[in-house]
Amino acid sequence: MSEITSLDVLEIINAKKRHAPAMAGALLTMLRRSYNWVIDQQVYGLIVSPCDRLKSAKLIGPPPARTRRLNDTELFAFWRAAGRLGYPAGPAYQLLLLTGLRLYEAARLSWPEIEGDVIVVPAARMKGRNDQARDHLVPLSGQAQKIIASLPRIKGGPFLFSRDAGKRPAAMTNEIKRTLDRRMLLALRALARRDGEDHTQVTLPPWTNHDLRRVVRSGLSQLRVPFVVAEAVLAHRQRGVAVTYDLHEDVQEKREALVAWAQRLGSIVNPMSDNVIALRARR
């Protein structure tokens, strides 16, 4: 590590940004954190990081602002497709949409983190800088509680979503996301056929797992949930002196917000209509 220079890092970042600028930025961040950790541990004789003067904004440019969120029809298709994914990925995705958690926060949930009708994500697994992360309390709506109650709980490991009896959390891979996308598209085309539209023209614009948080946040705004509460649901920290002095967890307020969101989501994914068709399971 002591032989790597800023030019070495720059060569890697420049090569990556030509075809994957977002990945180049993530790579630079990871390298910077790795070197800072090594320097803090005082090993290898390192006192300066080769990443110190390499700024992502100048090398790669600012990340594009994302605005993608699934519309109601896409949410209907998402819920159906996630249900057909089965355990562990399917219920993990559905829980994401009900709670606004980040993917890795939900996928790595363990049974000790479920305290009655509240999820307590420990600070160690929350996003934060300079040890400022705090435990994140997520009140569970009735629908979220049903999903958790339906999960297998086999003695052997603590994780809710697992492929080896809870010993390790399940990996939410790109292949799983691609399968979800394929099944969503099938559902969307089936809906188009039902409505007499040309299903061959139906497409599913690209979306990311993180866009589900935007869906939740936008949904809370539509429900007129106060800004501070909606931000607390997504574990967005307050700024300024409020970070130091306001330690109120807003548990009851978040509970009311998430219950209202679950009801709104339920009206989208389980509409009370005789016109809803049964979508065939396809691979």
C-alpha atoms as a PDB file:
ATOM      1  CA  MET A   1       0.000   0.000   0.000  1.00  0.00           C
ATOM      2  CA  SER A   2       2.859   2.381   0.711  1.00  0.00           C
ATOM      3  CA  GLU A   3       4.039   2.112  -2.902  1.00  0.00           C
ATOM      4  CA  ILE A   4       0.742   3.267  -4.437  1.00  0.00           C
ATOM      5  CA  THR A   5       0.803   6.877  -5.603  1.00  0.00           C
ATOM      6  CA  SER A   6      -1.897   9.358  -6.534  1.00  0.00           C
ATOM      7  CA  LEU A   7      -1.055   8.753 -10.202  1.00  0.00           C
ATOM      8  CA  ASP A   8      -1.803   5.043  -9.748  1.00  0.00           C
ATOM      9  CA  VAL A   9      -5.173   5.843  -8.220  1.00  0.00           C
ATOM     10  CA  LEU A  10      -5.883   8.449 -10.901  1.00  0.00           C
ATOM     11  CA  GLU A  11      -5.205   5.945 -13.672  1.00  0.00           C
ATOM     12  CA  ILE A  12      -7.746   3.495 -12.226  1.00  0.00           C
ATOM     13  CA  ILE A  13     -10.407   6.158 -11.624  1.00  0.00           C
ATOM     14  CA  ASN A  14     -10.039   7.692 -15.089  1.00  0.00           C
ATOM     15  CA  ALA A  15     -10.319   4.288 -16.745  1.00  0.00           C
ATOM     16  CA  LYS A  16     -13.456   3.444 -14.754  1.00  0.00           C
ATOM     17  CA  LYS A  17     -15.229   6.759 -15.289  1.00  0.00           C
ATOM     18  CA  ARG A  18     -15.201   6.357 -19.092  1.00  0.00           C
ATOM     19  CA  HIS A  19     -17.952   3.742 -18.935  1.00  0.00           C
ATOM     20  CA  ALA A  20     -19.182   3.821 -15.318  1.00  0.00           C
ATOM     21  CA  PRO A  21     -18.799   7.273 -13.703  1.00  0.00           C
ATOM     22  CA  ALA A  22     -20.971   6.413 -10.702  1.00  0.00           C
ATOM     23  CA  MET A  23     -18.882   3.331  -9.986  1.00  0.00           C
ATOM     24  CA  ALA A  24     -15.710   5.402 -10.370  1.00  0.00           C
ATOM     25  CA  GLY A  25     -16.955   7.776  -7.696  1.00  0.00           C
ATOM     26  CA  ALA A  26     -17.838   4.901  -5.370  1.00  0.00           C
ATOM     27  CA  LEU A  27     -14.438   3.335  -5.968  1.00  0.00           C
ATOM     28  CA  LEU A  28     -12.621   6.548  -5.095  1.00  0.00           C
ATOM     29  CA  THR A  29     -14.668   6.864  -1.908  1.00  0.00           C
ATOM     30  CA  MET A  30     -13.835   3.294  -0.925  1.00  0.00           C
ATOM     31  CA  LEU A  31     -10.127   3.793  -1.596  1.00  0.00           C
ATOM     32  CA  ARG A  32     -10.102   7.013   0.420  1.00  0.00           C
ATOM     33  CA  ARG A  33     -11.817   5.366   3.387  1.00  0.00           C
ATOM     34  CA  SER A  34      -9.497   2.368   3.233  1.00  0.00           C
ATOM     35  CA  TYR A  35      -6.389   4.551   3.314  1.00  0.00           C
ATOM     36  CA  ASN A  36      -7.775   6.739   6.097  1.00  0.00           C
ATOM     37  CA  TRP A  37      -8.447   3.606   8.159  1.00  0.00           C
ATOM     38  CA  VAL A  38      -4.894   2.313   7.595  1.00  0.00           C
ATOM     39  CA  ILE A  39      -3.431   5.676   8.604  1.00  0.00           C
ATOM     40  CA  ASP A  40      -5.592   5.767  11.749  1.00  0.00           C
ATOM     41  CA  GLN A  41      -4.353   2.280  12.694  1.00  0.00           C
ATOM     42  CA  GLN A  42      -0.746   3.446  12.256  1.00  0.00           C
ATOM     43  CA  VAL A  43       0.328   0.433  10.233  1.00  0.00           C
ATOM     44  CA  TYR A  44       2.550   0.156   7.157  1.00  0.00           C
ATOM     45  CA  GLY A  45       4.191   3.441   8.136  1.00  0.00           C
ATOM     46  CA  LEU A  46       1.602   5.429   6.171  1.00  0.00           C
ATOM     47  CA  ILE A  47       1.027   9.035   7.170  1.00  0.00           C
ATOM     48  CA  VAL A  48      -0.392  10.416   3.890  1.00  0.00           C
ATOM     49  CA  SER A  49      -3.081   8.991   1.629  1.00  0.00           C
ATOM     50  CA  PRO A  50      -2.578   9.018  -2.158  1.00  0.00           C
ATOM     51  CA  CYS A  51      -6.258   9.997  -2.396  1.00  0.00           C
ATOM     52  CA  ASP A  52      -5.957  13.193  -0.349  1.00  0.00           C
ATOM     53  CA  ARG A  53      -5.901  15.640  -3.266  1.00  0.00           C
ATOM     54  CA  LEU A  54      -8.150  13.630  -5.587  1.00  0.00           C
ATOM     55  CA  LYS A  55     -11.611  15.189  -5.490  1.00  0.00           C
ATOM     56  CA  SER A  56     -14.495  13.264  -7.001  1.00  0.00           C
ATOM     57  CA  ALA A  57     -16.345  16.410  -8.096  1.00  0.00           C
ATOM     58  CA  LYS A  58     -13.362  17.566 -10.154  1.00  0.00           C
ATOM     59  CA  LEU A  59     -12.313  14.183 -11.529  1.00  0.00           C
ATOM     60  CA  ILE A  60     -15.725  12.745 -12.320  1.00  0.00           C
ATOM     61  CA  GLY A  61     -18.171  15.592 -11.916  1.00  0.00           C
ATOM     62  CA  PRO A  62     -21.146  15.871  -9.592  1.00  0.00           C
ATOM     63  CA  PRO A  63     -23.412  12.826  -9.515  1.00  0.00           C
ATOM     64  CA  PRO A  64     -26.578  13.318 -11.577  1.00  0.00           C
ATOM     65  CA  ALA A  65     -29.633  14.047  -9.482  1.00  0.00           C
ATOM     66  CA  ARG A  66     -32.024  11.106  -9.628  1.00  0.00           C
ATOM     67  CA  THR A  67     -35.742  11.725  -9.946  1.00  0.00           C
ATOM     68  CA  ARG A  68     -36.940   8.231 -10.866  1.00  0.00           C
ATOM     69  CA  ARG A  69     -39.746   6.794  -8.806  1.00  0.00           C
ATOM     70  CA  LEU A  70     -42.195   4.047  -9.616  1.00  0.00           C
ATOM     71  CA  ASN A  71     -45.693   5.182 -10.528  1.00  0.00           C
ATOM     72  CA  ASP A  72     -48.786   3.457  -9.143  1.00  0.00           C
ATOM     73  CA  THR A  73     -49.019   0.958 -11.991  1.00  0.00           C
ATOM     74  CA  GLU A  74     -45.356   0.074 -11.596  1.00  0.00           C
ATOM     75  CA  LEU A  75     -45.846  -0.303  -7.834  1.00  0.00           C
ATOM     76  CA  PHE A  76     -48.662  -2.760  -8.505  1.00  0.00           C
ATOM     77  CA  ALA A  77     -46.335  -4.733 -10.800  1.00  0.00           C
ATOM     78  CA  PHE A  78     -43.496  -4.480  -8.273  1.00  0.00           C
ATOM     79  CA  TRP A  79     -45.578  -5.910  -5.437  1.00  0.00           C
ATOM     80  CA  ARG A  80     -46.807  -8.808  -7.562  1.00  0.00           C
ATOM     81  CA  ALA A  81     -43.327  -9.545  -8.914  1.00  0.00           C
ATOM     82  CA  ALA A  82     -41.738  -9.390  -5.463  1.00  0.00           C
ATOM     83  CA  GLY A  83     -44.365 -11.791  -4.155  1.00  0.00           C
ATOM     84  CA  ARG A  84     -43.456 -14.277  -6.860  1.00  0.00           C
ATOM     85  CA  LEU A  85     -39.743 -14.010  -6.103  1.00  0.00           C
ATOM     86  CA  GLY A  86     -40.369 -15.944  -2.925  1.00  0.00           C
ATOM     87  CA  TYR A  87     -38.241 -16.029   0.193  1.00  0.00           C
ATOM     88  CA  PRO A  88     -35.838 -14.407   0.957  1.00  0.00           C
ATOM     89  CA  ALA A  89     -35.683 -11.694  -1.738  1.00  0.00           C
ATOM     90  CA  GLY A  90     -39.430 -11.193  -2.233  1.00  0.00           C
ATOM     91  CA  PRO A  91     -40.436 -10.282   1.330  1.00  0.00           C
ATOM     92  CA  ALA A  92     -37.212  -8.268   1.736  1.00  0.00           C
ATOM     93  CA  TYR A  93     -38.208  -6.091  -1.220  1.00  0.00           C
ATOM     94  CA  GLN A  94     -41.749  -5.686   0.079  1.00  0.00           C
ATOM     95  CA  LEU A  95     -40.425  -4.659   3.492  1.00  0.00           C
ATOM     96  CA  LEU A  96     -38.240  -2.039   1.785  1.00  0.00           C
ATOM     97  CA  LEU A  97     -41.307  -0.421   0.287  1.00  0.00           C
ATOM     98  CA  LEU A  98     -43.181  -0.456   3.588  1.00  0.00           C
ATOM     99  CA  THR A  99     -40.383   0.948   5.747  1.00  0.00           C
ATOM    100  CA  GLY A 100     -38.165   3.137   3.565  1.00  0.00           C
ATOM    101  CA  LEU A 101     -35.074   1.309   4.791  1.00  0.00           C
ATOM    102  CA  ARG A 102     -31.964   1.113   2.644  1.00  0.00           C
ATOM    103  CA  LEU A 103     -31.400  -2.228   0.951  1.00  0.00           C
ATOM    104  CA  TYR A 104     -28.507  -3.360   3.128  1.00  0.00           C
ATOM    105  CA  GLU A 105     -30.282  -2.178   6.283  1.00  0.00           C
ATOM    106  CA  ALA A 106     -33.274  -4.391   5.501  1.00  0.00           C
ATOM    107  CA  ALA A 107     -31.415  -7.366   4.004  1.00  0.00           C
ATOM    108  CA  ARG A 108     -29.205  -7.689   7.100  1.00  0.00           C
ATOM    109  CA  LEU A 109     -31.964  -7.480   9.678  1.00  0.00           C
ATOM    110  CA  SER A 110     -31.646  -9.935  12.551  1.00  0.00           C
ATOM    111  CA  TRP A 111     -34.304 -11.221  14.922  1.00  0.00           C
ATOM    112  CA  PRO A 112     -32.827  -9.441  17.977  1.00  0.00           C
ATOM    113  CA  GLU A 113     -33.414  -6.158  16.104  1.00  0.00           C
ATOM    114  CA  ILE A 114     -37.180  -6.802  16.084  1.00  0.00           C
ATOM    115  CA  GLU A 115     -38.491  -5.440  19.371  1.00  0.00           C
ATOM    116  CA  GLY A 116     -42.233  -5.989  19.413  1.00  0.00           C
ATOM    117  CA  ASP A 117     -43.692  -3.826  16.674  1.00  0.00           C
ATOM    118  CA  VAL A 118     -40.523  -1.780  16.153  1.00  0.00           C
ATOM    119  CA  ILE A 119     -37.343  -2.482  14.210  1.00  0.00           C
ATOM    120  CA  VAL A 120     -34.229  -1.092  15.882  1.00  0.00           C
ATOM    121  CA  VAL A 121     -31.419  -0.836  13.349  1.00  0.00           C
ATOM    122  CA  PRO A 122     -28.204  -0.346  15.372  1.00  0.00           C
ATOM    123  CA  ALA A 123     -26.038   2.686  14.675  1.00  0.00           C
ATOM    124  CA  ALA A 124     -23.233   0.424  13.458  1.00  0.00           C
ATOM    125  CA  ARG A 125     -25.349  -0.488  10.411  1.00  0.00           C
ATOM    126  CA  MET A 126     -26.687   2.988   9.731  1.00  0.00           C
ATOM    127  CA  LYS A 127     -25.281   5.451   7.251  1.00  0.00           C
ATOM    128  CA  GLY A 128     -23.330   8.198   8.980  1.00  0.00           C
ATOM    129  CA  ARG A 129     -19.987   9.956   9.205  1.00  0.00           C
ATOM    130  CA  ASN A 130     -17.558  10.490  12.033  1.00  0.00           C
ATOM    131  CA  ASP A 131     -19.443   8.181  14.377  1.00  0.00           C
ATOM    132  CA  GLN A 132     -22.539  10.390  14.188  1.00  0.00           C
ATOM    133  CA  ALA A 133     -24.886   7.569  13.171  1.00  0.00           C
ATOM    134  CA  ARG A 134     -27.556   6.659  15.704  1.00  0.00           C
ATOM    135  CA  ASP A 135     -29.911   3.734  16.197  1.00  0.00           C
ATOM    136  CA  HIS A 136     -32.824   3.989  13.784  1.00  0.00           C
ATOM    137  CA  LEU A 137     -36.275   3.063  15.098  1.00  0.00           C
ATOM    138  CA  VAL A 138     -38.785   1.886  12.501  1.00  0.00           C
ATOM    139  CA  PRO A 139     -42.356   1.333  13.776  1.00  0.00           C
ATOM    140  CA  LEU A 140     -44.005  -1.525  11.893  1.00  0.00           C
ATOM    141  CA  SER A 141     -47.355  -1.160  10.204  1.00  0.00           C
ATOM    142  CA  GLY A 142     -49.728  -4.102  10.334  1.00  0.00           C
ATOM    143  CA  GLN A 143     -48.716  -5.164   6.812  1.00  0.00           C
ATOM    144  CA  ALA A 144     -45.015  -5.048   7.716  1.00  0.00           C
ATOM    145  CA  GLN A 145     -45.692  -7.145  10.816  1.00  0.00           C
ATOM    146  CA  LYS A 146     -47.498  -9.735   8.678  1.00  0.00           C
ATOM    147  CA  ILE A 147     -44.511 -10.021   6.361  1.00  0.00           C
ATOM    148  CA  ILE A 148     -42.113 -10.525   9.271  1.00  0.00           C
ATOM    149  CA  ALA A 149     -44.455 -13.034  10.932  1.00  0.00           C
ATOM    150  CA  SER A 150     -44.532 -15.059   7.701  1.00  0.00           C
ATOM    151  CA  LEU A 151     -40.751 -15.481   7.593  1.00  0.00           C
ATOM    152  CA  PRO A 152     -39.259 -18.851   8.524  1.00  0.00           C
ATOM    153  CA  ARG A 153     -37.527 -18.797  11.875  1.00  0.00           C
ATOM    154  CA  ILE A 154     -35.258 -21.810  11.968  1.00  0.00           C
ATOM    155  CA  LYS A 155     -32.856 -22.331  14.821  1.00  0.00           C
ATOM    156  CA  GLY A 156     -29.373 -21.837  13.499  1.00  0.00           C
ATOM    157  CA  GLY A 157     -28.852 -18.150  12.869  1.00  0.00           C
ATOM    158  CA  PRO A 158     -30.236 -14.683  13.634  1.00  0.00           C
ATOM    159  CA  PHE A 159     -30.919 -13.235  10.175  1.00  0.00           C
ATOM    160  CA  LEU A 160     -34.442 -12.687   8.854  1.00  0.00           C
ATOM    161  CA  PHE A 161     -33.517 -13.005   5.189  1.00  0.00           C
ATOM    162  CA  SER A 162     -31.118 -15.875   4.631  1.00  0.00           C
ATOM    163  CA  ARG A 163     -30.403 -18.864   2.390  1.00  0.00           C
ATOM    164  CA  ASP A 164     -28.657 -20.935   5.048  1.00  0.00           C
ATOM    165  CA  ALA A 165     -31.081 -21.075   7.986  1.00  0.00           C
ATOM    166  CA  GLY A 166     -30.270 -17.578   9.169  1.00  0.00           C
ATOM    167  CA  LYS A 167     -26.541 -18.051   9.562  1.00  0.00           C
ATOM    168  CA  ARG A 168     -25.721 -15.332   7.010  1.00  0.00           C
ATOM    169  CA  PRO A 169     -27.839 -12.590   5.454  1.00  0.00           C
ATOM    170  CA  ALA A 170     -28.989 -13.277   1.907  1.00  0.00           C
ATOM    171  CA  ALA A 171     -27.116 -11.454  -0.833  1.00  0.00           C
ATOM    172  CA  MET A 172     -29.460  -9.199  -2.825  1.00  0.00           C
ATOM    173  CA  THR A 173     -27.605  -9.630  -6.086  1.00  0.00           C
ATOM    174  CA  ASN A 174     -27.927  -7.904  -9.440  1.00  0.00           C
ATOM    175  CA  GLU A 175     -29.362 -11.121 -10.858  1.00  0.00           C
ATOM    176  CA  ILE A 176     -32.218 -10.980  -8.345  1.00  0.00           C
ATOM    177  CA  LYS A 177     -32.916  -7.385  -9.385  1.00  0.00           C
ATOM    178  CA  ARG A 178     -32.915  -8.391 -13.060  1.00  0.00           C
ATOM    179  CA  THR A 179     -35.373 -11.198 -12.309  1.00  0.00           C
ATOM    180  CA  LEU A 180     -37.589  -8.738 -10.454  1.00  0.00           C
ATOM    181  CA  ASP A 181     -37.478  -6.364 -13.429  1.00  0.00           C
ATOM    182  CA  ARG A 182     -38.414  -9.139 -15.864  1.00  0.00           C
ATOM    183  CA  ARG A 183     -41.405 -10.160 -13.780  1.00  0.00           C
ATOM    184  CA  MET A 184     -42.487  -6.555 -13.361  1.00  0.00           C
ATOM    185  CA  LEU A 185     -42.439  -6.108 -17.130  1.00  0.00           C
ATOM    186  CA  LEU A 186     -44.547  -9.252 -17.590  1.00  0.00           C
ATOM    187  CA  ALA A 187     -47.080  -7.882 -15.119  1.00  0.00           C
ATOM    188  CA  LEU A 188     -47.158  -4.490 -16.841  1.00  0.00           C
ATOM    189  CA  ARG A 189     -47.727  -6.124 -20.217  1.00  0.00           C
ATOM    190  CA  ALA A 190     -50.502  -8.288 -18.791  1.00  0.00           C
ATOM    191  CA  LEU A 191     -52.209  -5.137 -17.504  1.00  0.00           C
ATOM    192  CA  ALA A 192     -51.869  -3.543 -20.936  1.00  0.00           C
ATOM    193  CA  ARG A 193     -53.487  -6.561 -22.599  1.00  0.00           C
ATOM    194  CA  ARG A 194     -56.340  -6.384 -20.106  1.00  0.00           C
ATOM    195  CA  ASP A 195     -56.928  -2.756 -21.013  1.00  0.00           C
ATOM    196  CA  GLY A 196     -56.854  -3.475 -24.736  1.00  0.00           C
ATOM    197  CA  GLU A 197     -53.522  -1.736 -25.266  1.00  0.00           C
ATOM    198  CA  ASP A 198     -50.568  -2.884 -27.352  1.00  0.00           C
ATOM    199  CA  HIS A 199     -48.585  -4.796 -24.734  1.00  0.00           C
ATOM    200  CA  THR A 200     -45.583  -5.096 -27.065  1.00  0.00           C
ATOM    201  CA  GLN A 201     -44.974  -1.355 -26.659  1.00  0.00           C
ATOM    202  CA  VAL A 202     -44.871  -1.509 -22.857  1.00  0.00           C
ATOM    203  CA  THR A 203     -41.463  -0.916 -21.294  1.00  0.00           C
ATOM    204  CA  LEU A 204     -40.097  -0.585 -17.775  1.00  0.00           C
ATOM    205  CA  PRO A 205     -37.716   2.394 -17.487  1.00  0.00           C
ATOM    206  CA  PRO A 206     -34.574   1.575 -15.481  1.00  0.00           C
ATOM    207  CA  TRP A 207     -34.846   2.010 -11.739  1.00  0.00           C
ATOM    208  CA  THR A 208     -32.622   1.244  -8.772  1.00  0.00           C
ATOM    209  CA  ASN A 209     -33.329  -0.261  -5.379  1.00  0.00           C
ATOM    210  CA  HIS A 210     -32.590   3.097  -3.782  1.00  0.00           C
ATOM    211  CA  ASP A 211     -35.393   4.681  -5.824  1.00  0.00           C
ATOM    212  CA  LEU A 212     -37.841   2.891  -3.514  1.00  0.00           C
ATOM    213  CA  ARG A 213     -36.837   5.316  -0.767  1.00  0.00           C
ATOM    214  CA  ARG A 214     -37.857   8.148  -3.085  1.00  0.00           C
ATOM    215  CA  VAL A 215     -41.202   6.415  -3.582  1.00  0.00           C
ATOM    216  CA  VAL A 216     -41.743   6.253   0.177  1.00  0.00           C
ATOM    217  CA  ARG A 217     -40.590   9.826   0.767  1.00  0.00           C
ATOM    218  CA  SER A 218     -42.759  11.196  -2.035  1.00  0.00           C
ATOM    219  CA  GLY A 219     -45.696   9.156  -0.782  1.00  0.00           C
ATOM    220  CA  LEU A 220     -45.342  10.654   2.677  1.00  0.00           C
ATOM    221  CA  SER A 221     -45.376  14.136   1.204  1.00  0.00           C
ATOM    222  CA  GLN A 222     -48.542  13.316  -0.737  1.00  0.00           C
ATOM    223  CA  LEU A 223     -50.083  12.197   2.552  1.00  0.00           C
ATOM    224  CA  ARG A 224     -49.112  15.579   4.026  1.00  0.00           C
ATOM    225  CA  VAL A 225     -46.834  14.037   6.640  1.00  0.00           C
ATOM    226  CA  PRO A 226     -44.831  16.867   8.259  1.00  0.00           C
ATOM    227  CA  PHE A 227     -41.398  17.363   6.729  1.00  0.00           C
ATOM    228  CA  VAL A 228     -39.468  16.573   9.917  1.00  0.00           C
ATOM    229  CA  VAL A 229     -41.374  13.314  10.439  1.00  0.00           C
ATOM    230  CA  ALA A 230     -40.999  12.210   6.810  1.00  0.00           C
ATOM    231  CA  GLU A 231     -37.261  12.856   6.985  1.00  0.00           C
ATOM    232  CA  ALA A 232     -37.062  10.920  10.255  1.00  0.00           C
ATOM    233  CA  VAL A 233     -38.751   7.913   8.626  1.00  0.00           C
ATOM    234  CA  LEU A 234     -35.853   7.757   6.151  1.00  0.00           C
ATOM    235  CA  ALA A 235     -33.294   8.386   8.923  1.00  0.00           C
ATOM    236  CA  HIS A 236     -32.218  11.683   7.381  1.00  0.00           C
ATOM    237  CA  ARG A 237     -30.396  13.608  10.065  1.00  0.00           C
ATOM    238  CA  GLN A 238     -31.350  17.141  11.025  1.00  0.00           C
ATOM    239  CA  ARG A 239     -28.780  19.824  10.384  1.00  0.00           C
ATOM    240  CA  GLY A 240     -27.197  22.447  12.584  1.00  0.00           C
ATOM    241  CA  VAL A 241     -27.645  22.618  16.343  1.00  0.00           C
ATOM    242  CA  ALA A 242     -30.770  20.421  16.138  1.00  0.00           C
ATOM    243  CA  VAL A 243     -28.482  17.414  15.628  1.00  0.00           C
ATOM    244  CA  THR A 244     -26.970  18.029  19.052  1.00  0.00           C
ATOM    245  CA  TYR A 245     -30.002  19.098  21.051  1.00  0.00           C
ATOM    246  CA  ASP A 246     -33.034  17.389  19.489  1.00  0.00           C
ATOM    247  CA  LEU A 247     -32.777  13.694  20.364  1.00  0.00           C
ATOM    248  CA  HIS A 248     -36.499  12.994  20.146  1.00  0.00           C
ATOM    249  CA  GLU A 249     -37.037   9.782  18.150  1.00  0.00           C
ATOM    250  CA  ASP A 250     -40.498  10.725  16.779  1.00  0.00           C
ATOM    251  CA  VAL A 251     -41.570   7.097  17.233  1.00  0.00           C
ATOM    252  CA  GLN A 252     -45.294   7.774  17.481  1.00  0.00           C
ATOM    253  CA  GLU A 253     -45.189  10.280  14.654  1.00  0.00           C
ATOM    254  CA  LYS A 254     -43.260   7.843  12.466  1.00  0.00           C
ATOM    255  CA  ARG A 255     -45.728   5.091  13.355  1.00  0.00           C
ATOM    256  CA  GLU A 256     -48.674   7.183  12.192  1.00  0.00           C
ATOM    257  CA  ALA A 257     -46.822   8.104   8.991  1.00  0.00           C
ATOM    258  CA  LEU A 258     -45.880   4.526   8.133  1.00  0.00           C
ATOM    259  CA  VAL A 259     -49.366   3.209   8.915  1.00  0.00           C
ATOM    260  CA  ALA A 260     -50.844   5.843   6.590  1.00  0.00           C
ATOM    261  CA  TRP A 261     -48.286   4.932   3.915  1.00  0.00           C
ATOM    262  CA  ALA A 262     -49.065   1.204   4.268  1.00  0.00           C
ATOM    263  CA  GLN A 263     -52.766   1.956   3.792  1.00  0.00           C
ATOM    264  CA  ARG A 264     -52.019   4.064   0.723  1.00  0.00           C
ATOM    265  CA  LEU A 265     -49.733   1.361  -0.675  1.00  0.00           C
ATOM    266  CA  GLY A 266     -52.370  -1.271   0.013  1.00  0.00           C
ATOM    267  CA  SER A 267     -54.894   0.654  -2.064  1.00  0.00           C
ATOM    268  CA  ILE A 268     -52.400   0.574  -4.943  1.00  0.00           C
ATOM    269  CA  VAL A 269     -51.199  -3.028  -4.829  1.00  0.00           C
ATOM    270  CA  ASN A 270     -54.495  -4.606  -3.724  1.00  0.00           C
ATOM    271  CA  PRO A 271     -57.183  -2.468  -5.347  1.00  0.00           C
ATOM    272  CA  MET A 272     -60.760  -3.384  -4.462  1.00  0.00           C
ATOM    273  CA  SER A 273     -61.939  -3.958  -8.017  1.00  0.00           C
ATOM    274  CA  ASP A 274     -63.498  -6.802  -9.930  1.00  0.00           C
ATOM    275  CA  ASN A 275     -61.533  -5.700 -12.964  1.00  0.00           C
ATOM    276  CA  VAL A 276     -58.152  -6.757 -11.568  1.00  0.00           C
ATOM    277  CA  ILE A 277     -56.919  -9.781 -13.455  1.00  0.00           C
ATOM    278  CA  ALA A 278     -54.988 -12.703 -12.035  1.00  0.00           C
ATOM    279  CA  LEU A 279     -51.509 -12.460 -13.511  1.00  0.00           C
ATOM    280  CA  ARG A 280     -50.002 -15.765 -14.537  1.00  0.00           C
ATOM    281  CA  ALA A 281     -46.730 -16.728 -12.928  1.00  0.00           C
ATOM    282  CA  ARG A 282     -43.964 -16.773 -15.527  1.00  0.00           C
ATOM    283  CA  ARG A 283     -40.258 -17.400 -15.449  1.00  0.00           C
END
